[in-house]
């Protein structure tokens, strides 16, 4: 999995560096400062729902409780279930 980055400390969604670089190129920037997205291991009872685009209670991510549930592999894990990330260190990149 590619390393993910937040645009700034107020950003709620992290993206791969290539997406951030493409945005910077479109904006005509020569350098950008981003924040690393570090996995959040402090909140094991929460998940990120890719369908809803928000964090939710892990116990509610079940077929019997969620109408958007779609099986990932037939083992009881939803394909929309994702990890939570927290803001890490600031890093600078040259836009090429």
N, C-alpha and C. Protein backbone atom coordinates (compact mmCIF):
# COMPACT_ATOMS: atom_id res chain seq x y z
N UNK A 1 0.84 -1.18 0.00
CA UNK A 1 0.00 0.00 0.00
C UNK A 1 0.88 1.24 0.00
N UNK A 2 0.52 2.22 -0.82
CA UNK A 2 1.27 3.47 -0.90
C UNK A 2 1.12 4.27 0.39
N UNK A 3 2.16 5.02 0.72
CA UNK A 3 2.10 5.93 1.87
C UNK A 3 1.05 6.99 1.57
N UNK A 4 0.30 7.37 2.60
CA UNK A 4 -0.76 8.36 2.44
C UNK A 4 -0.39 9.66 3.14
N UNK A 5 -0.97 10.76 2.65
CA UNK A 5 -0.66 12.09 3.18
C UNK A 5 -1.93 12.92 3.30
N UNK A 6 -1.95 13.75 4.35
CA UNK A 6 -2.99 14.76 4.51
C UNK A 6 -2.48 16.06 3.91
N UNK A 7 -3.39 16.88 3.39
CA UNK A 7 -3.00 18.18 2.84
C UNK A 7 -2.51 19.11 3.95
N UNK A 8 -3.22 19.11 5.08
CA UNK A 8 -2.84 19.92 6.23
C UNK A 8 -3.50 19.35 7.48
N UNK A 9 -3.33 20.03 8.61
CA UNK A 9 -3.85 19.51 9.88
C UNK A 9 -5.37 19.52 9.95
N UNK A 10 -6.04 20.26 9.07
CA UNK A 10 -7.50 20.30 9.06
C UNK A 10 -8.12 19.29 8.10
N UNK A 11 -7.29 18.65 7.30
CA UNK A 11 -7.77 17.69 6.30
C UNK A 11 -8.20 16.39 6.98
N UNK A 12 -9.36 15.88 6.59
CA UNK A 12 -9.90 14.64 7.18
C UNK A 12 -9.63 13.42 6.31
N UNK A 13 -9.25 13.63 5.06
CA UNK A 13 -9.04 12.53 4.13
C UNK A 13 -7.59 12.51 3.66
N UNK A 14 -6.98 11.34 3.70
CA UNK A 14 -5.60 11.20 3.24
C UNK A 14 -5.59 10.54 1.86
N UNK A 15 -4.55 10.88 1.09
CA UNK A 15 -4.43 10.40 -0.28
C UNK A 15 -2.99 10.01 -0.57
N UNK A 16 -2.76 9.18 -1.59
CA UNK A 16 -1.40 8.84 -1.99
C UNK A 16 -0.65 10.08 -2.49
N UNK A 17 0.66 10.05 -2.39
CA UNK A 17 1.49 11.19 -2.80
C UNK A 17 1.25 11.56 -4.26
N UNK A 18 1.08 10.59 -5.13
CA UNK A 18 0.89 10.88 -6.55
C UNK A 18 -0.34 11.77 -6.77
N UNK A 19 -1.41 11.54 -6.00
CA UNK A 19 -2.61 12.38 -6.13
C UNK A 19 -2.33 13.79 -5.64
N UNK A 20 -1.61 13.92 -4.54
CA UNK A 20 -1.26 15.25 -4.01
C UNK A 20 -0.35 15.99 -4.98
N UNK A 21 0.58 15.26 -5.61
CA UNK A 21 1.49 15.88 -6.59
C UNK A 21 0.72 16.36 -7.82
N UNK A 22 -0.23 15.55 -8.29
CA UNK A 22 -1.03 15.96 -9.44
C UNK A 22 -1.83 17.22 -9.14
N UNK A 23 -2.39 17.31 -7.94
CA UNK A 23 -3.12 18.52 -7.53
C UNK A 23 -2.19 19.72 -7.51
N UNK A 24 -0.97 19.53 -6.99
CA UNK A 24 0.00 20.63 -6.91
C UNK A 24 0.41 21.09 -8.31
N UNK A 25 0.59 20.15 -9.24
CA UNK A 25 0.94 20.50 -10.62
C UNK A 25 -0.18 21.32 -11.26
N UNK A 26 -1.42 20.90 -11.04
CA UNK A 26 -2.56 21.63 -11.58
C UNK A 26 -2.64 23.04 -11.01
N UNK A 27 -2.20 23.20 -9.76
CA UNK A 27 -2.21 24.51 -9.11
C UNK A 27 -0.97 25.33 -9.43
N UNK A 28 -0.03 24.77 -10.20
CA UNK A 28 1.18 25.49 -10.59
C UNK A 28 2.19 25.66 -9.47
N UNK A 29 2.19 24.78 -8.50
CA UNK A 29 3.11 24.89 -7.36
C UNK A 29 4.43 24.19 -7.67
N UNK A 30 5.52 24.70 -7.09
CA UNK A 30 6.83 24.06 -7.26
C UNK A 30 7.23 23.24 -6.04
N UNK A 31 6.56 23.50 -4.91
CA UNK A 31 6.84 22.76 -3.68
C UNK A 31 5.56 22.66 -2.86
N UNK A 32 5.40 21.55 -2.17
CA UNK A 32 4.23 21.39 -1.29
C UNK A 32 4.68 20.84 0.06
N UNK A 33 3.93 21.20 1.09
CA UNK A 33 4.15 20.65 2.42
C UNK A 33 2.91 19.86 2.79
N UNK A 34 3.12 18.60 3.14
CA UNK A 34 2.03 17.70 3.50
C UNK A 34 2.27 17.13 4.89
N UNK A 35 1.27 16.44 5.39
CA UNK A 35 1.41 15.75 6.67
C UNK A 35 1.27 14.25 6.43
N UNK A 36 2.22 13.49 6.94
CA UNK A 36 2.15 12.04 6.81
C UNK A 36 0.90 11.51 7.50
N UNK A 37 0.30 10.49 6.92
CA UNK A 37 -0.86 9.83 7.53
C UNK A 37 -0.35 8.57 8.22
N UNK A 38 -0.39 8.58 9.54
CA UNK A 38 0.07 7.44 10.32
C UNK A 38 -1.13 6.59 10.76
N UNK A 39 -1.02 5.27 10.69
CA UNK A 39 -2.12 4.42 11.16
C UNK A 39 -2.48 4.74 12.61
N UNK A 40 -3.76 4.82 12.89
CA UNK A 40 -4.25 5.13 14.23
C UNK A 40 -4.55 3.83 14.97
N UNK A 41 -3.62 3.43 15.83
CA UNK A 41 -3.78 2.20 16.59
C UNK A 41 -4.43 2.45 17.95
N UNK A 42 -4.72 3.72 18.26
CA UNK A 42 -5.28 4.08 19.57
C UNK A 42 -6.80 3.94 19.62
N UNK A 43 -7.44 3.69 18.49
CA UNK A 43 -8.90 3.60 18.44
C UNK A 43 -9.35 2.29 17.80
N UNK A 44 -9.10 1.15 18.46
CA UNK A 44 -9.43 -0.14 17.85
C UNK A 44 -10.92 -0.40 17.70
N UNK A 45 -11.75 0.37 18.35
CA UNK A 45 -13.20 0.16 18.27
C UNK A 45 -13.87 0.94 17.15
N UNK A 46 -13.05 1.62 16.32
CA UNK A 46 -13.60 2.41 15.22
C UNK A 46 -12.95 2.02 13.91
N UNK A 47 -13.70 2.19 12.84
CA UNK A 47 -13.21 1.91 11.48
C UNK A 47 -13.59 3.10 10.60
N UNK A 48 -13.00 3.15 9.40
CA UNK A 48 -13.39 4.15 8.42
C UNK A 48 -14.27 3.46 7.39
N UNK A 49 -15.47 3.98 7.18
CA UNK A 49 -16.37 3.42 6.18
C UNK A 49 -16.17 4.17 4.87
N UNK A 50 -15.63 3.49 3.87
CA UNK A 50 -15.40 4.11 2.57
C UNK A 50 -16.69 4.45 1.84
N UNK A 51 -17.75 3.74 2.13
CA UNK A 51 -19.04 4.03 1.49
C UNK A 51 -19.62 5.33 2.04
N UNK A 52 -19.61 5.45 3.37
CA UNK A 52 -20.18 6.63 4.01
C UNK A 52 -19.19 7.80 4.05
N UNK A 53 -17.90 7.50 3.92
CA UNK A 53 -16.89 8.55 3.97
C UNK A 53 -16.67 9.11 5.36
N UNK A 54 -16.85 8.28 6.37
CA UNK A 54 -16.68 8.75 7.75
C UNK A 54 -16.32 7.58 8.67
N UNK A 55 -15.86 7.94 9.86
CA UNK A 55 -15.53 6.93 10.87
C UNK A 55 -16.82 6.42 11.51
N UNK A 56 -16.78 5.17 11.92
CA UNK A 56 -17.94 4.57 12.56
C UNK A 56 -17.53 3.54 13.58
N UNK A 57 -18.48 3.12 14.37
CA UNK A 57 -18.24 2.11 15.40
C UNK A 57 -18.00 0.76 14.74
N UNK A 58 -16.91 0.11 15.08
CA UNK A 58 -16.55 -1.18 14.48
C UNK A 58 -17.65 -2.22 14.64
N UNK A 59 -18.35 -2.19 15.77
CA UNK A 59 -19.39 -3.20 16.03
C UNK A 59 -20.61 -3.04 15.11
N UNK A 60 -20.76 -1.88 14.50
CA UNK A 60 -21.90 -1.64 13.60
C UNK A 60 -21.59 -1.99 12.15
N UNK A 61 -20.35 -2.38 11.88
CA UNK A 61 -19.94 -2.76 10.52
C UNK A 61 -20.21 -4.25 10.34
N UNK A 62 -21.50 -4.58 10.27
CA UNK A 62 -21.94 -5.97 10.09
C UNK A 62 -23.10 -6.00 9.11
N UNK A 63 -23.22 -7.08 8.41
CA UNK A 63 -24.27 -7.25 7.41
C UNK A 63 -25.66 -7.04 8.01
N UNK A 64 -25.87 -7.53 9.22
CA UNK A 64 -27.19 -7.42 9.85
C UNK A 64 -27.54 -5.99 10.28
N UNK A 65 -26.54 -5.12 10.37
CA UNK A 65 -26.78 -3.75 10.85
C UNK A 65 -26.62 -2.67 9.78
N UNK A 66 -25.99 -3.00 8.67
CA UNK A 66 -25.68 -1.97 7.67
C UNK A 66 -26.22 -2.37 6.29
N UNK A 67 -27.06 -1.52 5.73
CA UNK A 67 -27.64 -1.81 4.41
C UNK A 67 -26.63 -1.62 3.28
N UNK A 68 -25.48 -0.99 3.56
CA UNK A 68 -24.44 -0.78 2.54
C UNK A 68 -23.36 -1.85 2.58
N UNK A 69 -23.49 -2.80 3.49
CA UNK A 69 -22.50 -3.86 3.65
C UNK A 69 -22.36 -4.67 2.36
N UNK A 70 -21.11 -4.86 1.91
CA UNK A 70 -20.80 -5.73 0.78
C UNK A 70 -19.62 -6.60 1.18
N UNK A 71 -19.79 -7.89 1.07
CA UNK A 71 -18.73 -8.81 1.48
C UNK A 71 -17.48 -8.63 0.63
N UNK A 72 -16.35 -8.63 1.31
CA UNK A 72 -15.06 -8.48 0.63
C UNK A 72 -14.56 -9.83 0.12
N UNK A 73 -14.68 -10.86 0.96
CA UNK A 73 -14.14 -12.16 0.59
C UNK A 73 -14.99 -13.32 1.09
N UNK A 74 -16.18 -13.02 1.59
CA UNK A 74 -17.03 -14.06 2.12
C UNK A 74 -16.69 -14.46 3.55
N UNK A 75 -15.83 -13.68 4.20
CA UNK A 75 -15.39 -14.01 5.56
C UNK A 75 -15.92 -13.04 6.61
N UNK A 76 -16.92 -12.27 6.28
CA UNK A 76 -17.50 -11.36 7.26
C UNK A 76 -16.84 -10.00 7.35
N UNK A 77 -16.09 -9.61 6.32
CA UNK A 77 -15.47 -8.29 6.30
C UNK A 77 -16.04 -7.50 5.13
N UNK A 78 -16.49 -6.30 5.39
CA UNK A 78 -17.08 -5.45 4.36
C UNK A 78 -15.99 -4.85 3.48
N UNK A 79 -16.25 -4.76 2.19
CA UNK A 79 -15.26 -4.20 1.28
C UNK A 79 -15.08 -2.70 1.48
N UNK A 80 -16.01 -2.04 2.16
CA UNK A 80 -15.91 -0.60 2.42
C UNK A 80 -15.15 -0.28 3.71
N UNK A 81 -14.85 -1.31 4.49
CA UNK A 81 -14.19 -1.11 5.79
C UNK A 81 -12.73 -0.72 5.57
N UNK A 82 -12.35 0.38 6.19
CA UNK A 82 -10.98 0.87 6.06
C UNK A 82 -10.37 1.20 7.40
N UNK A 83 -9.13 1.64 7.35
CA UNK A 83 -8.39 1.98 8.56
C UNK A 83 -8.51 3.47 8.86
N UNK A 84 -8.29 3.79 10.12
CA UNK A 84 -8.22 5.19 10.53
C UNK A 84 -6.76 5.64 10.50
N UNK A 85 -6.55 6.91 10.18
CA UNK A 85 -5.21 7.49 10.17
C UNK A 85 -5.22 8.77 10.98
N UNK A 86 -4.06 9.09 11.52
CA UNK A 86 -3.89 10.31 12.28
C UNK A 86 -2.79 11.15 11.62
N UNK A 87 -2.79 12.44 11.91
CA UNK A 87 -1.80 13.34 11.31
C UNK A 87 -0.43 13.10 11.93
N UNK A 88 0.56 12.92 11.06
CA UNK A 88 1.93 12.69 11.51
C UNK A 88 2.81 13.90 11.27
N UNK A 89 4.05 13.64 10.91
CA UNK A 89 5.04 14.70 10.69
C UNK A 89 4.78 15.46 9.40
N UNK A 90 5.18 16.72 9.40
CA UNK A 90 5.12 17.54 8.18
C UNK A 90 6.33 17.20 7.31
N UNK A 91 6.10 17.08 6.01
CA UNK A 91 7.18 16.81 5.07
C UNK A 91 6.99 17.68 3.83
N UNK A 92 8.12 18.09 3.23
CA UNK A 92 8.09 18.92 2.02
C UNK A 92 8.51 18.09 0.82
N UNK A 93 7.90 18.41 -0.31
CA UNK A 93 8.20 17.73 -1.56
C UNK A 93 8.35 18.76 -2.68
N UNK A 94 9.32 18.53 -3.55
CA UNK A 94 9.46 19.32 -4.77
C UNK A 94 8.49 18.74 -5.79
N UNK A 95 7.76 19.61 -6.45
CA UNK A 95 6.80 19.18 -7.46
C UNK A 95 7.53 19.13 -8.80
N UNK A 96 7.55 17.96 -9.40
CA UNK A 96 8.25 17.79 -10.69
C UNK A 96 7.30 17.41 -11.78
